[in-house]
Amino acid sequence: MGKLSFIIVVIIIFINTNDLLSYNINQVIWIPATGKGTVVAVHDSTYKVLGEYLTAPPNLRDSASPSRYAINYNGDVIFGHRKLGGITILHYKKGDDILTSTGLNNIIPWTSTGPMDEAVVKFIYLPKFGDTRHISVTTDKKIIVGSTWVPDFFYIIDGTSYEIIDSITGAC
């Protein structure tokens, strides 16, 4: 059998007049910038970069590698990390007067006390994980997160308080 090769090309037009808050959630494409430890929001028809966001606190930044994600019913985005056991939650829209990224490389710092970018809600460390591979959101706003490091184990996180509330084993 021959080898199949796939080449994916993403073309983004960079315009500095970006405003994530003025777009509908259905118009935003979220792109993990795994090598930078950030995620990028891009408008789906204009291809304007709307913002770039850090996904882990400073002490974990070298291991931040956002990859998979899910979007909840409010439009919040939950990113899982490949090398880092945890997830990061970003609010799609938080208000008109918030401190948030407005374009590519316009990254608002994350200090030891938390993210300064008000669109970044929280990083949740998941102690048994090092490779988040599954993220889903239930209709009752729970976030289910699984990893390849611990097969058949899933964390259940409250989608409002973002606290770990339970776990499931033997689900697969």
C-alpha atoms as a PDB file:
ATOM      1  CA  MET A   1       0.000   0.000   0.000  1.00  0.00           C
ATOM      2  CA  GLY A   2       1.164   3.514  -0.750  1.00  0.00           C
ATOM      3  CA  LYS A   3       1.480   6.255   1.788  1.00  0.00           C
ATOM      4  CA  LEU A   4      -1.061   9.040   1.893  1.00  0.00           C
ATOM      5  CA  SER A   5       0.210  12.506   2.591  1.00  0.00           C
ATOM      6  CA  PHE A   6      -1.998  15.315   3.693  1.00  0.00           C
ATOM      7  CA  ILE A   7      -1.024  18.945   3.546  1.00  0.00           C
ATOM      8  CA  ILE A   8      -3.176  21.437   5.366  1.00  0.00           C
ATOM      9  CA  VAL A   9      -2.724  25.072   4.496  1.00  0.00           C
ATOM     10  CA  VAL A  10      -4.261  27.783   6.626  1.00  0.00           C
ATOM     11  CA  ILE A  11      -4.266  31.254   5.131  1.00  0.00           C
ATOM     12  CA  ILE A  12      -4.965  34.077   7.528  1.00  0.00           C
ATOM     13  CA  ILE A  13      -5.243  37.736   6.554  1.00  0.00           C
ATOM     14  CA  PHE A  14      -3.836  39.875   9.348  1.00  0.00           C
ATOM     15  CA  ILE A  15      -5.789  43.064   9.980  1.00  0.00           C
ATOM     16  CA  ASN A  16      -5.163  45.176  13.059  1.00  0.00           C
ATOM     17  CA  THR A  17      -8.764  46.359  13.499  1.00  0.00           C
ATOM     18  CA  ASN A  18      -9.929  43.231  15.308  1.00  0.00           C
ATOM     19  CA  ASP A  19     -12.604  43.080  17.965  1.00  0.00           C
ATOM     20  CA  LEU A  20     -13.582  39.646  19.238  1.00  0.00           C
ATOM     21  CA  LEU A  21     -16.483  41.091  21.208  1.00  0.00           C
ATOM     22  CA  SER A  22     -18.368  42.239  18.115  1.00  0.00           C
ATOM     23  CA  TYR A  23     -18.619  38.787  16.494  1.00  0.00           C
ATOM     24  CA  ASN A  24     -21.161  36.039  16.937  1.00  0.00           C
ATOM     25  CA  ILE A  25     -19.722  32.788  18.360  1.00  0.00           C
ATOM     26  CA  ASN A  26     -20.702  31.017  15.133  1.00  0.00           C
ATOM     27  CA  GLN A  27     -18.305  33.291  13.245  1.00  0.00           C
ATOM     28  CA  VAL A  28     -15.186  32.365  15.243  1.00  0.00           C
ATOM     29  CA  ILE A  29     -12.692  29.628  14.419  1.00  0.00           C
ATOM     30  CA  TRP A  30     -10.421  28.649  17.316  1.00  0.00           C
ATOM     31  CA  ILE A  31      -6.912  27.568  16.312  1.00  0.00           C
ATOM     32  CA  PRO A  32      -4.533  26.036  18.867  1.00  0.00           C
ATOM     33  CA  ALA A  33      -1.017  27.477  18.481  1.00  0.00           C
ATOM     34  CA  THR A  34       0.433  24.477  20.268  1.00  0.00           C
ATOM     35  CA  GLY A  35       4.084  25.473  19.930  1.00  0.00           C
ATOM     36  CA  LYS A  36       3.420  28.874  21.516  1.00  0.00           C
ATOM     37  CA  GLY A  37       1.070  27.665  24.249  1.00  0.00           C
ATOM     38  CA  THR A  38      -1.633  29.996  22.941  1.00  0.00           C
ATOM     39  CA  VAL A  39      -4.914  29.811  21.053  1.00  0.00           C
ATOM     40  CA  VAL A  40      -5.954  32.155  18.267  1.00  0.00           C
ATOM     41  CA  ALA A  41      -9.490  33.321  17.441  1.00  0.00           C
ATOM     42  CA  VAL A  42     -10.108  33.955  13.721  1.00  0.00           C
ATOM     43  CA  HIS A  43     -13.255  35.277  12.005  1.00  0.00           C
ATOM     44  CA  ASP A  44     -14.608  32.562   9.713  1.00  0.00           C
ATOM     45  CA  SER A  45     -15.303  34.699   6.638  1.00  0.00           C
ATOM     46  CA  THR A  46     -12.984  37.714   6.885  1.00  0.00           C
ATOM     47  CA  TYR A  47     -10.086  35.636   8.322  1.00  0.00           C
ATOM     48  CA  LYS A  48      -9.231  38.514  10.642  1.00  0.00           C
ATOM     49  CA  VAL A  49      -7.307  37.434  13.713  1.00  0.00           C
ATOM     50  CA  LEU A  50      -9.506  38.520  16.599  1.00  0.00           C
ATOM     51  CA  GLY A  51      -7.205  37.654  19.480  1.00  0.00           C
ATOM     52  CA  GLU A  52      -4.462  35.396  20.822  1.00  0.00           C
ATOM     53  CA  TYR A  53      -4.638  34.004  24.345  1.00  0.00           C
ATOM     54  CA  LEU A  54      -2.210  32.333  26.740  1.00  0.00           C
ATOM     55  CA  THR A  55      -3.496  28.993  28.012  1.00  0.00           C
ATOM     56  CA  ALA A  56      -1.456  28.296  31.164  1.00  0.00           C
ATOM     57  CA  PRO A  57       0.018  30.098  34.154  1.00  0.00           C
ATOM     58  CA  PRO A  58       3.710  31.121  34.061  1.00  0.00           C
ATOM     59  CA  ASN A  59       4.969  28.128  36.073  1.00  0.00           C
ATOM     60  CA  LEU A  60       3.411  25.728  33.523  1.00  0.00           C
ATOM     61  CA  ARG A  61       3.904  27.743  30.348  1.00  0.00           C
ATOM     62  CA  ASP A  62       6.731  25.556  28.978  1.00  0.00           C
ATOM     63  CA  SER A  63       4.399  22.553  29.045  1.00  0.00           C
ATOM     64  CA  ALA A  64       1.342  24.353  27.646  1.00  0.00           C
ATOM     65  CA  SER A  65       0.302  22.692  24.411  1.00  0.00           C
ATOM     66  CA  PRO A  66      -3.346  23.415  23.589  1.00  0.00           C
ATOM     67  CA  SER A  67      -4.799  20.905  21.176  1.00  0.00           C
ATOM     68  CA  ARG A  68      -8.361  19.625  21.505  1.00  0.00           C
ATOM     69  CA  TYR A  69     -11.287  21.827  22.412  1.00  0.00           C
ATOM     70  CA  ALA A  70     -15.022  21.934  22.940  1.00  0.00           C
ATOM     71  CA  ILE A  71     -17.422  24.853  22.983  1.00  0.00           C
ATOM     72  CA  ASN A  72     -20.132  24.980  25.634  1.00  0.00           C
ATOM     73  CA  TYR A  73     -23.673  26.307  25.256  1.00  0.00           C
ATOM     74  CA  ASN A  74     -22.614  29.836  26.271  1.00  0.00           C
ATOM     75  CA  GLY A  75     -19.902  29.961  23.615  1.00  0.00           C
ATOM     76  CA  ASP A  76     -17.076  29.486  26.112  1.00  0.00           C
ATOM     77  CA  VAL A  77     -14.171  27.455  24.761  1.00  0.00           C
ATOM     78  CA  ILE A  78     -12.512  24.660  26.744  1.00  0.00           C
ATOM     79  CA  PHE A  79      -9.013  23.729  25.534  1.00  0.00           C
ATOM     80  CA  GLY A  80      -7.140  20.584  26.551  1.00  0.00           C
ATOM     81  CA  HIS A  81      -3.354  20.317  26.543  1.00  0.00           C
ATOM     82  CA  ARG A  82      -1.283  17.511  25.017  1.00  0.00           C
ATOM     83  CA  LYS A  83       1.747  17.719  27.331  1.00  0.00           C
ATOM     84  CA  LEU A  84       0.181  19.443  30.298  1.00  0.00           C
ATOM     85  CA  GLY A  85      -2.482  17.767  32.410  1.00  0.00           C
ATOM     86  CA  GLY A  86      -5.215  20.332  32.353  1.00  0.00           C
ATOM     87  CA  ILE A  87      -7.761  22.446  30.546  1.00  0.00           C
ATOM     88  CA  THR A  88      -8.142  26.184  29.965  1.00  0.00           C
ATOM     89  CA  ILE A  89     -11.503  27.957  29.748  1.00  0.00           C
ATOM     90  CA  LEU A  90     -11.976  31.145  27.692  1.00  0.00           C
ATOM     91  CA  HIS A  91     -15.159  33.239  27.708  1.00  0.00           C
ATOM     92  CA  TYR A  92     -16.183  34.172  24.201  1.00  0.00           C
ATOM     93  CA  LYS A  93     -17.806  37.386  25.364  1.00  0.00           C
ATOM     94  CA  LYS A  94     -17.503  38.972  28.763  1.00  0.00           C
ATOM     95  CA  GLY A  95     -18.504  42.584  28.251  1.00  0.00           C
ATOM     96  CA  ASP A  96     -17.682  45.706  26.329  1.00  0.00           C
ATOM     97  CA  ASP A  97     -15.001  47.131  28.612  1.00  0.00           C
ATOM     98  CA  ILE A  98     -12.666  44.235  29.271  1.00  0.00           C
ATOM     99  CA  LEU A  99      -8.930  43.878  28.983  1.00  0.00           C
ATOM    100  CA  THR A 100      -8.444  41.273  26.246  1.00  0.00           C
ATOM    101  CA  SER A 101      -6.323  40.479  23.229  1.00  0.00           C
ATOM    102  CA  THR A 102      -7.160  42.279  19.988  1.00  0.00           C
ATOM    103  CA  GLY A 103      -4.997  40.435  17.475  1.00  0.00           C
ATOM    104  CA  LEU A 104      -2.130  38.115  16.687  1.00  0.00           C
ATOM    105  CA  ASN A 105       0.810  38.477  19.094  1.00  0.00           C
ATOM    106  CA  ASN A 106      -1.282  40.894  21.180  1.00  0.00           C
ATOM    107  CA  ILE A 107      -0.957  38.577  24.147  1.00  0.00           C
ATOM    108  CA  ILE A 108      -2.047  39.843  27.567  1.00  0.00           C
ATOM    109  CA  PRO A 109       0.211  38.455  30.337  1.00  0.00           C
ATOM    110  CA  TRP A 110      -0.734  35.799  32.839  1.00  0.00           C
ATOM    111  CA  THR A 111       0.775  36.478  36.248  1.00  0.00           C
ATOM    112  CA  SER A 112       1.230  34.199  39.248  1.00  0.00           C
ATOM    113  CA  THR A 113      -2.128  35.465  40.556  1.00  0.00           C
ATOM    114  CA  GLY A 114      -4.011  34.581  37.373  1.00  0.00           C
ATOM    115  CA  PRO A 115      -4.703  35.694  33.820  1.00  0.00           C
ATOM    116  CA  MET A 116      -4.772  39.441  33.194  1.00  0.00           C
ATOM    117  CA  ASP A 117      -6.687  38.849  29.940  1.00  0.00           C
ATOM    118  CA  GLU A 118     -10.291  38.907  31.114  1.00  0.00           C
ATOM    119  CA  ALA A 119     -11.399  36.527  28.356  1.00  0.00           C
ATOM    120  CA  VAL A 120      -9.247  33.799  29.935  1.00  0.00           C
ATOM    121  CA  VAL A 121     -11.320  32.429  32.779  1.00  0.00           C
ATOM    122  CA  LYS A 122      -9.305  29.660  34.350  1.00  0.00           C
ATOM    123  CA  PHE A 123      -6.709  26.936  33.992  1.00  0.00           C
ATOM    124  CA  ILE A 124      -7.706  23.710  35.738  1.00  0.00           C
ATOM    125  CA  TYR A 125      -4.878  21.325  36.581  1.00  0.00           C
ATOM    126  CA  LEU A 126      -5.941  17.667  36.301  1.00  0.00           C
ATOM    127  CA  PRO A 127      -3.584  15.675  38.552  1.00  0.00           C
ATOM    128  CA  LYS A 128      -3.719  12.277  36.826  1.00  0.00           C
ATOM    129  CA  PHE A 129      -3.324  13.656  33.320  1.00  0.00           C
ATOM    130  CA  GLY A 130      -0.489  14.611  31.043  1.00  0.00           C
ATOM    131  CA  ASP A 131      -2.260  14.272  27.723  1.00  0.00           C
ATOM    132  CA  THR A 132      -5.837  15.533  27.445  1.00  0.00           C
ATOM    133  CA  ARG A 133      -7.510  13.749  24.535  1.00  0.00           C
ATOM    134  CA  HIS A 134     -11.231  14.023  25.183  1.00  0.00           C
ATOM    135  CA  ILE A 135     -13.359  17.051  26.059  1.00  0.00           C
ATOM    136  CA  SER A 136     -17.137  17.174  25.889  1.00  0.00           C
ATOM    137  CA  VAL A 137     -19.891  19.278  27.404  1.00  0.00           C
ATOM    138  CA  THR A 138     -23.161  17.825  28.675  1.00  0.00           C
ATOM    139  CA  THR A 139     -26.564  19.469  28.445  1.00  0.00           C
ATOM    140  CA  ASP A 140     -26.462  20.080  32.210  1.00  0.00           C
ATOM    141  CA  LYS A 141     -23.246  22.119  31.751  1.00  0.00           C
ATOM    142  CA  LYS A 142     -20.764  19.541  33.010  1.00  0.00           C
ATOM    143  CA  ILE A 143     -17.386  19.222  31.300  1.00  0.00           C
ATOM    144  CA  ILE A 144     -16.092  15.669  30.776  1.00  0.00           C
ATOM    145  CA  VAL A 145     -12.316  15.347  30.264  1.00  0.00           C
ATOM    146  CA  GLY A 146     -10.322  12.197  29.447  1.00  0.00           C
ATOM    147  CA  SER A 147      -6.668  11.342  28.837  1.00  0.00           C
ATOM    148  CA  THR A 148      -4.624   8.627  27.144  1.00  0.00           C
ATOM    149  CA  TRP A 149      -2.318   8.503  30.187  1.00  0.00           C
ATOM    150  CA  VAL A 150      -5.059   7.023  32.364  1.00  0.00           C
ATOM    151  CA  PRO A 151      -7.311   4.882  30.134  1.00  0.00           C
ATOM    152  CA  ASP A 152     -10.955   4.556  31.156  1.00  0.00           C
ATOM    153  CA  PHE A 153     -10.760   7.529  33.541  1.00  0.00           C
ATOM    154  CA  PHE A 154     -12.634  10.808  33.073  1.00  0.00           C
ATOM    155  CA  TYR A 155     -12.916  13.913  35.230  1.00  0.00           C
ATOM    156  CA  ILE A 156     -16.310  15.584  35.615  1.00  0.00           C
ATOM    157  CA  ILE A 157     -16.045  19.351  36.060  1.00  0.00           C
ATOM    158  CA  ASP A 158     -18.871  21.696  36.991  1.00  0.00           C
ATOM    159  CA  GLY A 159     -19.380  24.003  33.999  1.00  0.00           C
ATOM    160  CA  THR A 160     -20.320  26.976  36.186  1.00  0.00           C
ATOM    161  CA  SER A 161     -17.877  26.883  39.113  1.00  0.00           C
ATOM    162  CA  TYR A 162     -15.186  25.023  37.106  1.00  0.00           C
ATOM    163  CA  GLU A 163     -14.472  22.771  40.071  1.00  0.00           C
ATOM    164  CA  ILE A 164     -13.738  19.036  39.722  1.00  0.00           C
ATOM    165  CA  ILE A 165     -16.878  17.414  41.107  1.00  0.00           C
ATOM    166  CA  ASP A 166     -16.424  13.728  40.271  1.00  0.00           C
ATOM    167  CA  SER A 167     -14.690  11.168  38.091  1.00  0.00           C
ATOM    168  CA  ILE A 168     -15.716   8.143  36.069  1.00  0.00           C
ATOM    169  CA  THR A 169     -13.692   4.953  35.681  1.00  0.00           C
ATOM    170  CA  GLY A 170     -14.265   2.069  33.317  1.00  0.00           C
ATOM    171  CA  ALA A 171     -16.338   4.166  30.904  1.00  0.00           C
ATOM    172  CA  CYS A 172     -14.682   2.819  27.760  1.00  0.00           C
END
